[in-house]
PDB file of N, CA and C in Angstrom:
ATOM      1  N   MET A   1      28.218  34.019  38.862  1.00  0.00           N
ATOM      2  CA  MET A   1      27.782  34.106  38.120  1.00  0.00           C
ATOM      3  C   MET A   1      28.850  33.142  37.593  1.00  0.00           C
ATOM      4  N   SER A   2      28.892  32.213  36.192  1.00  0.00           N
ATOM      5  CA  SER A   2      29.283  30.615  36.275  1.00  0.00           C
ATOM      6  C   SER A   2      30.192  31.367  35.228  1.00  0.00           C
ATOM      7  N   ASP A   3      31.081  30.257  35.229  1.00  0.00           N
ATOM      8  CA  ASP A   3      32.313  30.329  34.087  1.00  0.00           C
ATOM      9  C   ASP A   3      32.002  30.748  32.887  1.00  0.00           C
ATOM     10  N   GLN A   4      30.593  31.089  32.265  1.00  0.00           N
ATOM     11  CA  GLN A   4      31.190  31.408  31.570  1.00  0.00           C
ATOM     12  C   GLN A   4      31.097  32.996  31.569  1.00  0.00           C
ATOM     13  N   ASN A   5      31.741  33.225  32.576  1.00  0.00           N
ATOM     14  CA  ASN A   5      31.524  34.647  31.764  1.00  0.00           C
ATOM     15  C   ASN A   5      33.159  34.968  31.481  1.00  0.00           C
ATOM     16  N   GLN A   6      33.324  34.630  30.743  1.00  0.00           N
ATOM     17  CA  GLN A   6      35.135  35.002  29.921  1.00  0.00           C
ATOM     18  C   GLN A   6      34.150  34.323  28.673  1.00  0.00           C
ATOM     19  N   PHE A   7      35.316  35.240  27.309  1.00  0.00           N
ATOM     20  CA  PHE A   7      35.399  34.631  26.294  1.00  0.00           C
ATOM     21  C   PHE A   7      37.257  34.808  25.473  1.00  0.00           C
ATOM     22  N   PHE A   8      37.231  33.006  25.860  1.00  0.00           N
ATOM     23  CA  PHE A   8      38.623  33.872  25.332  1.00  0.00           C
ATOM     24  C   PHE A   8      39.115  33.901  25.858  1.00  0.00           C
ATOM     25  N   GLY A   9      39.234  33.667  27.502  1.00  0.00           N
ATOM     26  CA  GLY A   9      39.798  33.964  28.468  1.00  0.00           C
ATOM     27  C   GLY A   9      40.171  35.560  28.823  1.00  0.00           C
ATOM     28  N   VAL A  10      38.891  36.086  29.029  1.00  0.00           N
ATOM     29  CA  VAL A  10      38.757  37.789  28.777  1.00  0.00           C
ATOM     30  C   VAL A  10      37.849  37.661  29.629  1.00  0.00           C
ATOM     31  N   SER A  11      37.513  38.080  30.512  1.00  0.00           N
ATOM     32  CA  SER A  11      36.591  38.456  31.741  1.00  0.00           C
ATOM     33  C   SER A  11      35.720  39.280  31.503  1.00  0.00           C
ATOM     34  N   PHE A  12      34.463  39.058  31.618  1.00  0.00           N
ATOM     35  CA  PHE A  12      33.103  39.741  31.932  1.00  0.00           C
ATOM     36  C   PHE A  12      33.501  40.645  33.081  1.00  0.00           C
ATOM     37  N   ASP A  13      33.898  40.298  33.855  1.00  0.00           N
ATOM     38  CA  ASP A  13      33.467  40.840  35.437  1.00  0.00           C
ATOM     39  C   ASP A  13      33.553  42.891  35.350  1.00  0.00           C
ATOM     40  N   LYS A  14      34.648  42.024  34.505  1.00  0.00           N
ATOM     41  CA  LYS A  14      35.420  44.121  34.854  1.00  0.00           C
ATOM     42  C   LYS A  14      34.512  44.902  33.356  1.00  0.00           C
ATOM     43  N   PHE A  15      33.944  44.381  32.802  1.00  0.00           N
ATOM     44  CA  PHE A  15      33.081  45.123  31.941  1.00  0.00           C
ATOM     45  C   PHE A  15      32.116  45.657  32.727  1.00  0.00           C
ATOM     46  N   PHE A  16      31.682  44.490  33.259  1.00  0.00           N
ATOM     47  CA  PHE A  16      29.857  44.757  33.649  1.00  0.00           C
ATOM     48  C   PHE A  16      30.095  45.641  34.604  1.00  0.00           C
ATOM     49  N   ASP A  17      31.434  45.494  35.219  1.00  0.00           N
ATOM     50  CA  ASP A  17      31.987  47.016  36.329  1.00  0.00           C
ATOM     51  C   ASP A  17      31.847  48.200  35.840  1.00  0.00           C
ATOM     52  N   ASP A  18      33.033  48.199  34.751  1.00  0.00           N
ATOM     53  CA  ASP A  18      32.015  49.496  34.618  1.00  0.00           C
ATOM     54  C   ASP A  18      31.358  49.897  33.911  1.00  0.00           C
ATOM     55  N   MET A  19      30.630  48.676  33.413  1.00  0.00           N
ATOM     56  CA  MET A  19      29.265  49.709  32.662  1.00  0.00           C
ATOM     57  C   MET A  19      28.000  49.927  34.072  1.00  0.00           C
ATOM     58  N   GLY A  20      28.457  49.311  34.645  1.00  0.00           N
ATOM     59  CA  GLY A  20      27.617  49.889  35.771  1.00  0.00           C
ATOM     60  C   GLY A  20      26.348  48.846  36.524  1.00  0.00           C
ATOM     61  N   PHE A  21      26.712  47.581  35.479  1.00  0.00           N
ATOM     62  CA  PHE A  21      25.687  46.565  35.954  1.00  0.00           C
ATOM     63  C   PHE A  21      26.052  45.559  36.619  1.00  0.00           C
ATOM     64  N   ALA A  22      27.454  46.233  37.653  1.00  0.00           N
ATOM     65  CA  ALA A  22      27.725  44.981  38.412  1.00  0.00           C
ATOM     66  C   ALA A  22      26.820  43.984  39.727  1.00  0.00           C
ATOM     67  N   GLU A  23      25.705  44.835  39.927  1.00  0.00           N
ATOM     68  CA  GLU A  23      24.762  44.455  41.440  1.00  0.00           C
ATOM     69  C   GLU A  23      23.744  43.357  40.141  1.00  0.00           C
ATOM     70  N   MET A  24      23.422  43.586  38.670  1.00  0.00           N
ATOM     71  CA  MET A  24      22.569  42.860  37.752  1.00  0.00           C
ATOM     72  C   MET A  24      23.625  40.610  38.144  1.00  0.00           C
ATOM     73  N   SER A  25      21.859  40.738  38.231  1.00  0.00           N
ATOM     74  CA  SER A  25      21.923  38.838  38.909  1.00  0.00           C
ATOM     75  C   SER A  25      22.615  38.083  37.475  1.00  0.00           C
ATOM     76  N   ASP A  26      23.203  37.424  38.231  1.00  0.00           N
ATOM     77  CA  ASP A  26      23.832  36.120  37.490  1.00  0.00           C
ATOM     78  C   ASP A  26      23.312  35.927  36.118  1.00  0.00           C
ATOM     79  N   GLU A  27      21.655  35.378  37.004  1.00  0.00           N
ATOM     80  CA  GLU A  27      21.208  35.380  35.129  1.00  0.00           C
ATOM     81  C   GLU A  27      20.649  35.990  34.647  1.00  0.00           C
ATOM     82  N   LYS A  28      20.791  37.626  34.647  1.00  0.00           N
ATOM     83  CA  LYS A  28      20.793  37.933  33.474  1.00  0.00           C
ATOM     84  C   LYS A  28      22.024  38.688  33.206  1.00  0.00           C
ATOM     85  N   LYS A  29      23.547  38.558  33.736  1.00  0.00           N
ATOM     86  CA  LYS A  29      24.519  38.511  33.702  1.00  0.00           C
ATOM     87  C   LYS A  29      24.748  37.681  32.492  1.00  0.00           C
ATOM     88  N   ASN A  30      24.464  36.807  32.967  1.00  0.00           N
ATOM     89  CA  ASN A  30      24.522  35.271  32.196  1.00  0.00           C
ATOM     90  C   ASN A  30      23.731  34.547  30.425  1.00  0.00           C
ATOM     91  N   ALA A  31      22.875  36.020  30.350  1.00  0.00           N
ATOM     92  CA  ALA A  31      22.282  36.079  29.164  1.00  0.00           C
ATOM     93  C   ALA A  31      22.510  37.004  28.185  1.00  0.00           C
ATOM     94  N   MET A  32      22.999  37.894  29.173  1.00  0.00           N
ATOM     95  CA  MET A  32      24.258  38.843  28.149  1.00  0.00           C
ATOM     96  C   MET A  32      25.394  38.690  28.093  1.00  0.00           C
ATOM     97  N   VAL A  33      25.949  37.800  28.747  1.00  0.00           N
ATOM     98  CA  VAL A  33      27.328  37.013  27.713  1.00  0.00           C
ATOM     99  C   VAL A  33      26.900  35.629  26.972  1.00  0.00           C
ATOM    100  N   ASP A  34      25.770  35.705  26.918  1.00  0.00           N
ATOM    101  CA  ASP A  34      25.327  35.076  25.832  1.00  0.00           C
ATOM    102  C   ASP A  34      25.666  35.802  24.238  1.00  0.00           C
ATOM    103  N   LYS A  35      24.844  37.243  24.886  1.00  0.00           N
ATOM    104  CA  LYS A  35      24.364  37.348  22.749  1.00  0.00           C
ATOM    105  C   LYS A  35      25.882  38.167  23.039  1.00  0.00           C
ATOM    106  N   ILE A  36      26.943  39.014  23.634  1.00  0.00           N
ATOM    107  CA  ILE A  36      27.632  39.859  24.021  1.00  0.00           C
ATOM    108  C   ILE A  36      28.382  38.510  23.330  1.00  0.00           C
ATOM    109  N   ALA A  37      28.875  37.171  23.482  1.00  0.00           N
ATOM    110  CA  ALA A  37      29.557  36.392  22.727  1.00  0.00           C
ATOM    111  C   ALA A  37      28.828  35.925  21.609  1.00  0.00           C
ATOM    112  N   GLY A  38      27.826  35.445  20.920  1.00  0.00           N
ATOM    113  CA  GLY A  38      27.078  35.103  19.765  1.00  0.00           C
ATOM    114  C   GLY A  38      27.983  36.772  18.956  1.00  0.00           C
ATOM    115  N   ILE A  39      27.476  38.515  18.998  1.00  0.00           N
ATOM    116  CA  ILE A  39      28.440  39.696  18.839  1.00  0.00           C
ATOM    117  C   ILE A  39      29.490  39.685  18.002  1.00  0.00           C
ATOM    118  N   LEU A  40      30.548  39.612  19.602  1.00  0.00           N
ATOM    119  CA  LEU A  40      31.757  39.036  19.217  1.00  0.00           C
ATOM    120  C   LEU A  40      32.214  38.024  18.311  1.00  0.00           C
ATOM    121  N   GLU A  41      31.583  36.180  17.852  1.00  0.00           N
ATOM    122  CA  GLU A  41      32.020  35.631  16.944  1.00  0.00           C
ATOM    123  C   GLU A  41      31.725  35.740  15.353  1.00  0.00           C
ATOM    124  N   ASP A  42      31.090  36.508  15.934  1.00  0.00           N
ATOM    125  CA  ASP A  42      30.149  37.024  14.154  1.00  0.00           C
ATOM    126  C   ASP A  42      31.348  38.297  14.001  1.00  0.00           C
ATOM    127  N   ARG A  43      31.220  39.359  14.915  1.00  0.00           N
ATOM    128  CA  ARG A  43      32.809  40.907  14.072  1.00  0.00           C
ATOM    129  C   ARG A  43      34.163  39.264  14.090  1.00  0.00           C
ATOM    130  N   ILE A  44      34.063  38.508  14.378  1.00  0.00           N
ATOM    131  CA  ILE A  44      35.336  37.808  14.333  1.00  0.00           C
ATOM    132  C   ILE A  44      35.377  36.907  13.270  1.00  0.00           C
ATOM    133  N   MET A  45      34.361  36.050  12.870  1.00  0.00           N
ATOM    134  CA  MET A  45      34.176  35.657  11.203  1.00  0.00           C
ATOM    135  C   MET A  45      34.829  36.848  10.522  1.00  0.00           C
ATOM    136  N   LEU A  46      34.373  37.916  10.689  1.00  0.00           N
ATOM    137  CA  LEU A  46      33.201  39.016  10.250  1.00  0.00           C
ATOM    138  C   LEU A  46      35.308  39.192   9.143  1.00  0.00           C
ATOM    139  N   LYS A  47      36.164  39.108  10.226  1.00  0.00           N
ATOM    140  CA  LYS A  47      37.169  39.861   9.442  1.00  0.00           C
ATOM    141  C   LYS A  47      38.049  38.644   9.507  1.00  0.00           C
ATOM    142  N   LEU A  48      37.980  37.289   9.628  1.00  0.00           N
ATOM    143  CA  LEU A  48      38.068  36.753   9.374  1.00  0.00           C
ATOM    144  C   LEU A  48      38.228  36.434   8.374  1.00  0.00           C
ATOM    145  N   VAL A  49      37.234  36.003   7.163  1.00  0.00           N
ATOM    146  CA  VAL A  49      36.699  36.518   6.147  1.00  0.00           C
ATOM    147  C   VAL A  49      36.522  36.810   5.531  1.00  0.00           C
ATOM    148  N   GLY A  50      36.784  38.461   5.365  1.00  0.00           N
ATOM    149  CA  GLY A  50      38.057  39.034   4.524  1.00  0.00           C
ATOM    150  C   GLY A  50      39.203  38.814   4.789  1.00  0.00           C
ATOM    151  N   SER A  51      40.227  38.487   5.214  1.00  0.00           N
ATOM    152  CA  SER A  51      41.215  37.931   5.156  1.00  0.00           C
ATOM    153  C   SER A  51      41.861  36.490   4.878  1.00  0.00           C
ATOM    154  N   LEU A  52      40.657  36.072   4.408  1.00  0.00           N
ATOM    155  CA  LEU A  52      40.894  35.236   4.085  1.00  0.00           C
ATOM    156  C   LEU A  52      41.101  34.301   2.800  1.00  0.00           C
ATOM    157  N   SER A  53      41.491  33.419   2.249  1.00  0.00           N
ATOM    158  CA  SER A  53      41.491  32.595   0.642  1.00  0.00           C
ATOM    159  C   SER A  53      39.888  32.770   0.259  1.00  0.00           C
ATOM    160  N   GLU A  54      39.630  32.892  -0.823  1.00  0.00           N
ATOM    161  CA  GLU A  54      38.261  32.364  -1.381  1.00  0.00           C
ATOM    162  C   GLU A  54      38.158  30.716  -1.064  1.00  0.00           C
ATOM    163  N   GLU A  55      39.108  30.449  -0.877  1.00  0.00           N
ATOM    164  CA  GLU A  55      39.060  28.582   0.037  1.00  0.00           C
ATOM    165  C   GLU A  55      38.877  28.357   1.092  1.00  0.00           C
ATOM    166  N   ASP A  56      39.666  29.492   1.475  1.00  0.00           N
ATOM    167  CA  ASP A  56      39.857  28.802   3.117  1.00  0.00           C
ATOM    168  C   ASP A  56      38.476  29.398   3.722  1.00  0.00           C
ATOM    169  N   ALA A  57      37.890  30.544   3.086  1.00  0.00           N
ATOM    170  CA  ALA A  57      36.904  31.704   3.620  1.00  0.00           C
ATOM    171  C   ALA A  57      35.337  29.987   3.565  1.00  0.00           C
ATOM    172  N   LYS A  58      35.407  29.438   1.801  1.00  0.00           N
ATOM    173  CA  LYS A  58      34.109  28.678   1.290  1.00  0.00           C
ATOM    174  C   LYS A  58      34.167  27.425   2.606  1.00  0.00           C
ATOM    175  N   ALA A  59      35.346  27.009   3.233  1.00  0.00           N
ATOM    176  CA  ALA A  59      35.607  26.118   4.040  1.00  0.00           C
ATOM    177  C   ALA A  59      35.314  25.804   5.868  1.00  0.00           C
ATOM    178  N   ILE A  60      35.423  27.775   5.979  1.00  0.00           N
ATOM    179  CA  ILE A  60      34.996  27.815   6.971  1.00  0.00           C
ATOM    180  C   ILE A  60      34.044  28.059   7.186  1.00  0.00           C
ATOM    181  N   GLN A  61      33.124  28.506   6.133  1.00  0.00           N
ATOM    182  CA  GLN A  61      31.586  28.753   5.823  1.00  0.00           C
ATOM    183  C   GLN A  61      30.454  27.342   5.851  1.00  0.00           C
ATOM    184  N   ALA A  62      30.967  26.308   5.319  1.00  0.00           N
ATOM    185  CA  ALA A  62      30.729  25.192   5.583  1.00  0.00           C
ATOM    186  C   ALA A  62      31.136  24.497   6.827  1.00  0.00           C
ATOM    187  N   MET A  63      31.652  24.874   7.916  1.00  0.00           N
ATOM    188  CA  MET A  63      31.343  25.252   9.154  1.00  0.00           C
ATOM    189  C   MET A  63      30.835  25.189  10.538  1.00  0.00           C
ATOM    190  N   SER A  64      30.144  23.953  11.277  1.00  0.00           N
ATOM    191  CA  SER A  64      28.650  24.357  11.791  1.00  0.00           C
ATOM    192  C   SER A  64      28.912  24.694  13.391  1.00  0.00           C
ATOM    193  N   GLU A  65      30.441  24.354  13.382  1.00  0.00           N
ATOM    194  CA  GLU A  65      31.137  23.806  14.766  1.00  0.00           C
ATOM    195  C   GLU A  65      31.964  25.122  15.330  1.00  0.00           C
ATOM    196  N   LEU A  66      32.376  25.877  16.036  1.00  0.00           N
ATOM    197  CA  LEU A  66      32.908  26.944  16.011  1.00  0.00           C
ATOM    198  C   LEU A  66      34.352  26.167  16.576  1.00  0.00           C
ATOM    199  N   GLU A  67      34.748  24.871  17.431  1.00  0.00           N
ATOM    200  CA  GLU A  67      35.569  24.664  17.405  1.00  0.00           C
ATOM    201  C   GLU A  67      37.076  24.279  16.030  1.00  0.00           C
ATOM    202  N   GLU A  68      35.308  23.090  15.113  1.00  0.00           N
ATOM    203  CA  GLU A  68      35.457  23.458  14.062  1.00  0.00           C
ATOM    204  C   GLU A  68      37.093  24.144  13.284  1.00  0.00           C
ATOM    205  N   VAL A  69      35.984  26.051  13.422  1.00  0.00           N
ATOM    206  CA  VAL A  69      36.433  26.576  12.475  1.00  0.00           C
ATOM    207  C   VAL A  69      37.810  27.452  13.365  1.00  0.00           C
ATOM    208  N   MET A  70      37.983  26.945  14.856  1.00  0.00           N
ATOM    209  CA  MET A  70      39.472  27.482  15.093  1.00  0.00           C
ATOM    210  C   MET A  70      40.295  26.685  15.047  1.00  0.00           C
ATOM    211  N   THR A  71      40.073  24.853  14.805  1.00  0.00           N
ATOM    212  CA  THR A  71      40.953  23.936  14.238  1.00  0.00           C
ATOM    213  C   THR A  71      40.816  24.223  13.315  1.00  0.00           C
ATOM    214  N   TYR A  72      40.725  24.244  12.461  1.00  0.00           N
ATOM    215  CA  TYR A  72      41.299  24.640  10.691  1.00  0.00           C
ATOM    216  C   TYR A  72      42.544  26.338  10.945  1.00  0.00           C
ATOM    217  N   LEU A  73      41.559  27.224  11.297  1.00  0.00           N
ATOM    218  CA  LEU A  73      42.593  28.567  11.713  1.00  0.00           C
ATOM    219  C   LEU A  73      43.967  28.346  12.377  1.00  0.00           C
ATOM    220  N   ASP A  74      43.764  27.777  12.801  1.00  0.00           N
ATOM    221  CA  ASP A  74      44.462  26.889  14.041  1.00  0.00           C
ATOM    222  C   ASP A  74      45.935  26.887  12.904  1.00  0.00           C
ATOM    223  N   GLY A  75      45.271  26.006  12.323  1.00  0.00           N
ATOM    224  CA  GLY A  75      46.852  25.074  11.201  1.00  0.00           C
ATOM    225  C   GLY A  75      46.904  26.039   9.747  1.00  0.00           C
ATOM    226  N   LYS A  76      46.442  26.793  10.124  1.00  0.00           N
ATOM    227  CA  LYS A  76      45.869  28.087   8.781  1.00  0.00           C
ATOM    228  C   LYS A  76      47.516  29.505   9.466  1.00  0.00           C
ATOM    229  N   GLY A  77      47.853  29.126  11.157  1.00  0.00           N
ATOM    230  CA  GLY A  77      48.858  29.955  11.574  1.00  0.00           C
ATOM    231  C   GLY A  77      47.839  30.985  11.877  1.00  0.00           C
ATOM    232  N   PHE A  78      47.291  31.296  12.586  1.00  0.00           N
ATOM    233  CA  PHE A  78      45.993  32.376  13.065  1.00  0.00           C
ATOM    234  C   PHE A  78      46.380  32.455  14.289  1.00  0.00           C
ATOM    235  N   ASN A  79      46.027  33.240  15.247  1.00  0.00           N
ATOM    236  CA  ASN A  79      46.101  33.587  16.917  1.00  0.00           C
ATOM    237  C   ASN A  79      44.476  33.646  16.981  1.00  0.00           C
ATOM    238  N   ILE A  80      43.730  32.189  16.954  1.00  0.00           N
ATOM    239  CA  ILE A  80      42.270  32.951  17.192  1.00  0.00           C
ATOM    240  C   ILE A  80      42.259  33.987  18.765  1.00  0.00           C
ATOM    241  N   THR A  81      42.807  33.253  19.618  1.00  0.00           N
ATOM    242  CA  THR A  81      42.691  33.564  21.515  1.00  0.00           C
ATOM    243  C   THR A  81      43.069  35.240  20.917  1.00  0.00           C
ATOM    244  N   GLU A  82      43.985  35.781  20.606  1.00  0.00           N
ATOM    245  CA  GLU A  82      45.671  36.773  20.153  1.00  0.00           C
ATOM    246  C   GLU A  82      43.459  37.913  19.221  1.00  0.00           C
ATOM    247  N   LEU A  83      42.709  37.543  18.880  1.00  0.00           N
ATOM    248  CA  LEU A  83      42.011  38.178  17.299  1.00  0.00           C
ATOM    249  C   LEU A  83      40.658  38.351  18.746  1.00  0.00           C
ATOM    250  N   ALA A  84      40.317  36.917  19.524  1.00  0.00           N
ATOM    251  CA  ALA A  84      38.223  37.326  20.100  1.00  0.00           C
ATOM    252  C   ALA A  84      39.490  37.916  21.717  1.00  0.00           C
ATOM    253  N   ALA A  85      41.208  37.793  22.229  1.00  0.00           N
ATOM    254  CA  ALA A  85      40.554  39.207  22.849  1.00  0.00           C
ATOM    255  C   ALA A  85      40.490  40.507  22.711  1.00  0.00           C
ATOM    256  N   GLN A  86      41.149  40.767  22.038  1.00  0.00           N
ATOM    257  CA  GLN A  86      41.349  42.002  20.661  1.00  0.00           C
ATOM    258  C   GLN A  86      40.048  42.399  20.786  1.00  0.00           C
ATOM    259  N   GLU A  87      38.864  42.006  19.973  1.00  0.00           N
ATOM    260  CA  GLU A  87      37.531  41.790  19.429  1.00  0.00           C
ATOM    261  C   GLU A  87      36.700  42.373  20.686  1.00  0.00           C
ATOM    262  N   ALA A  88      37.261  41.780  22.591  1.00  0.00           N
ATOM    263  CA  ALA A  88      36.030  41.767  23.115  1.00  0.00           C
ATOM    264  C   ALA A  88      36.675  42.819  23.813  1.00  0.00           C
ATOM    265  N   MET A  89      37.984  42.838  23.401  1.00  0.00           N
ATOM    266  CA  MET A  89      38.330  44.965  24.121  1.00  0.00           C
ATOM    267  C   MET A  89      37.692  46.251  23.846  1.00  0.00           C
ATOM    268  N   ASP A  90      37.520  45.836  22.226  1.00  0.00           N
ATOM    269  CA  ASP A  90      37.069  46.380  21.166  1.00  0.00           C
ATOM    270  C   ASP A  90      35.960  47.263  21.538  1.00  0.00           C
ATOM    271  N   PHE A  91      35.120  45.799  21.473  1.00  0.00           N
ATOM    272  CA  PHE A  91      33.450  45.489  21.959  1.00  0.00           C
ATOM    273  C   PHE A  91      33.591  46.568  22.743  1.00  0.00           C
ATOM    274  N   ARG A  92      34.493  45.980  24.678  1.00  0.00           N
ATOM    275  CA  ARG A  92      34.035  46.789  25.482  1.00  0.00           C
ATOM    276  C   ARG A  92      34.717  48.600  25.594  1.00  0.00           C
ATOM    277  N   GLU A  93      35.295  48.908  24.714  1.00  0.00           N
ATOM    278  CA  GLU A  93      35.926  50.415  24.465  1.00  0.00           C
ATOM    279  C   GLU A  93      34.821  51.035  23.598  1.00  0.00           C
ATOM    280  N   GLU A  94      33.994  50.490  22.427  1.00  0.00           N
ATOM    281  CA  GLU A  94      32.790  50.961  22.629  1.00  0.00           C
ATOM    282  C   GLU A  94      31.252  50.965  23.469  1.00  0.00           C
ATOM    283  N   MET A  95      30.828  49.766  23.618  1.00  0.00           N
ATOM    284  CA  MET A  95      30.246  50.317  24.595  1.00  0.00           C
ATOM    285  C   MET A  95      30.439  51.145  25.939  1.00  0.00           C
ATOM    286  N   ILE A  96      31.581  51.682  26.367  1.00  0.00           N
ATOM    287  CA  ILE A  96      31.190  52.148  27.573  1.00  0.00           C
ATOM    288  C   ILE A  96      31.890  53.084  26.380  1.00  0.00           C
ATOM    289  N   GLY A  97      32.284  53.547  25.571  1.00  0.00           N
ATOM    290  CA  GLY A  97      32.049  54.883  24.768  1.00  0.00           C
ATOM    291  C   GLY A  97      30.393  55.342  24.444  1.00  0.00           C
ATOM    292  N   ASN A  98      29.727  54.262  24.307  1.00  0.00           N
ATOM    293  CA  ASN A  98      28.537  54.070  24.665  1.00  0.00           C
ATOM    294  C   ASN A  98      27.891  54.417  25.336  1.00  0.00           C
ATOM    295  N   MET A  99      27.700  54.274  26.340  1.00  0.00           N
ATOM    296  CA  MET A  99      26.982  54.349  27.914  1.00  0.00           C
ATOM    297  C   MET A  99      27.739  56.216  28.351  1.00  0.00           C
ATOM    298  N   SER A 100      28.904  56.144  27.755  1.00  0.00           N
ATOM    299  CA  SER A 100      29.460  57.847  28.686  1.00  0.00           C
ATOM    300  C   SER A 100      27.996  59.034  27.298  1.00  0.00           C
ATOM    301  N   TYR A 101      28.489  58.296  25.975  1.00  0.00           N
ATOM    302  CA  TYR A 101      27.567  59.216  25.000  1.00  0.00           C
ATOM    303  C   TYR A 101      25.925  59.655  25.999  1.00  0.00           C
ATOM    304  N   VAL A 102      25.389  58.469  26.331  1.00  0.00           N
ATOM    305  CA  VAL A 102      24.102  58.190  26.743  1.00  0.00           C
ATOM    306  C   VAL A 102      24.399  59.235  27.719  1.00  0.00           C
ATOM    307  N   GLN A 103      24.795  58.412  27.972  1.00  0.00           N
ATOM    308  CA  GLN A 103      24.699  59.243  29.777  1.00  0.00           C
ATOM    309  C   GLN A 103      25.395  61.389  29.334  1.00  0.00           C
ATOM    310  N   GLY A 104      26.122  61.714  29.078  1.00  0.00           N
ATOM    311  CA  GLY A 104      25.660  63.221  28.704  1.00  0.00           C
ATOM    312  C   GLY A 104      25.045  63.078  28.286  1.00  0.00           C
ATOM    313  N   LEU A 105      23.627  62.642  27.560  1.00  0.00           N
ATOM    314  CA  LEU A 105      22.644  63.004  26.808  1.00  0.00           C
ATOM    315  C   LEU A 105      21.344  63.333  27.638  1.00  0.00           C
ATOM    316  N   ILE A 106      21.865  62.692  28.929  1.00  0.00           N
ATOM    317  CA  ILE A 106      20.834  61.829  29.947  1.00  0.00           C
ATOM    318  C   ILE A 106      21.224  63.314  30.725  1.00  0.00           C
ATOM    319  N   ASP A 107      21.973  63.726  31.340  1.00  0.00           N
ATOM    320  CA  ASP A 107      23.113  65.258  31.986  1.00  0.00           C
ATOM    321  C   ASP A 107      22.172  65.740  31.424  1.00  0.00           C
ATOM    322  N   ASN A 108      22.848  66.372  30.169  1.00  0.00           N
ATOM    323  CA  ASN A 108      21.926  67.399  29.259  1.00  0.00           C
ATOM    324  C   ASN A 108      20.925  68.268  29.320  1.00  0.00           C
ATOM    325  N   GLU A 109      19.572  66.652  28.913  1.00  0.00           N
ATOM    326  CA  GLU A 109      18.689  66.665  28.960  1.00  0.00           C
ATOM    327  C   GLU A 109      18.028  67.302  30.757  1.00  0.00           C
ATOM    328  N   ALA A 110      18.748  66.596  31.752  1.00  0.00           N
ATOM    329  CA  ALA A 110      18.550  67.437  32.925  1.00  0.00           C
ATOM    330  C   ALA A 110      18.861  68.850  33.272  1.00  0.00           C
ATOM    331  N   GLN A 111      18.882  68.799  32.579  1.00  0.00           N
ATOM    332  CA  GLN A 111      20.161  70.298  32.528  1.00  0.00           C
ATOM    333  C   GLN A 111      18.912  71.453  31.936  1.00  0.00           C
ATOM    334  N   ALA A 112      18.833  70.668  31.387  1.00  0.00           N
ATOM    335  CA  ALA A 112      17.947  71.716  30.178  1.00  0.00           C
ATOM    336  C   ALA A 112      16.376  72.167  30.992  1.00  0.00           C
TER     337      ALA A 112
END
């Protein structure tokens, strides 16, 4: 898998292992990473916009590049790397929980 298997320093390798996707092709993993990174960016932005002043929120919404947003927020004292790492870990836990739930449903259906 390429270097894109990280999101703000959080590796996707363990996520793929935990989800049972370790044997998935690098091409499919990279496509999944792109989708997950987009979801995480949206979740982070929602959290940030909810905690910013109206003026700061408008300034960020006008920005088109993630690096520009990060620089702006860093100047405002937000630790984006920490927030992103926490959001990535929360997402991982949610997905593992969802997979466990689905597996339980499959197992129960097979026993019926």
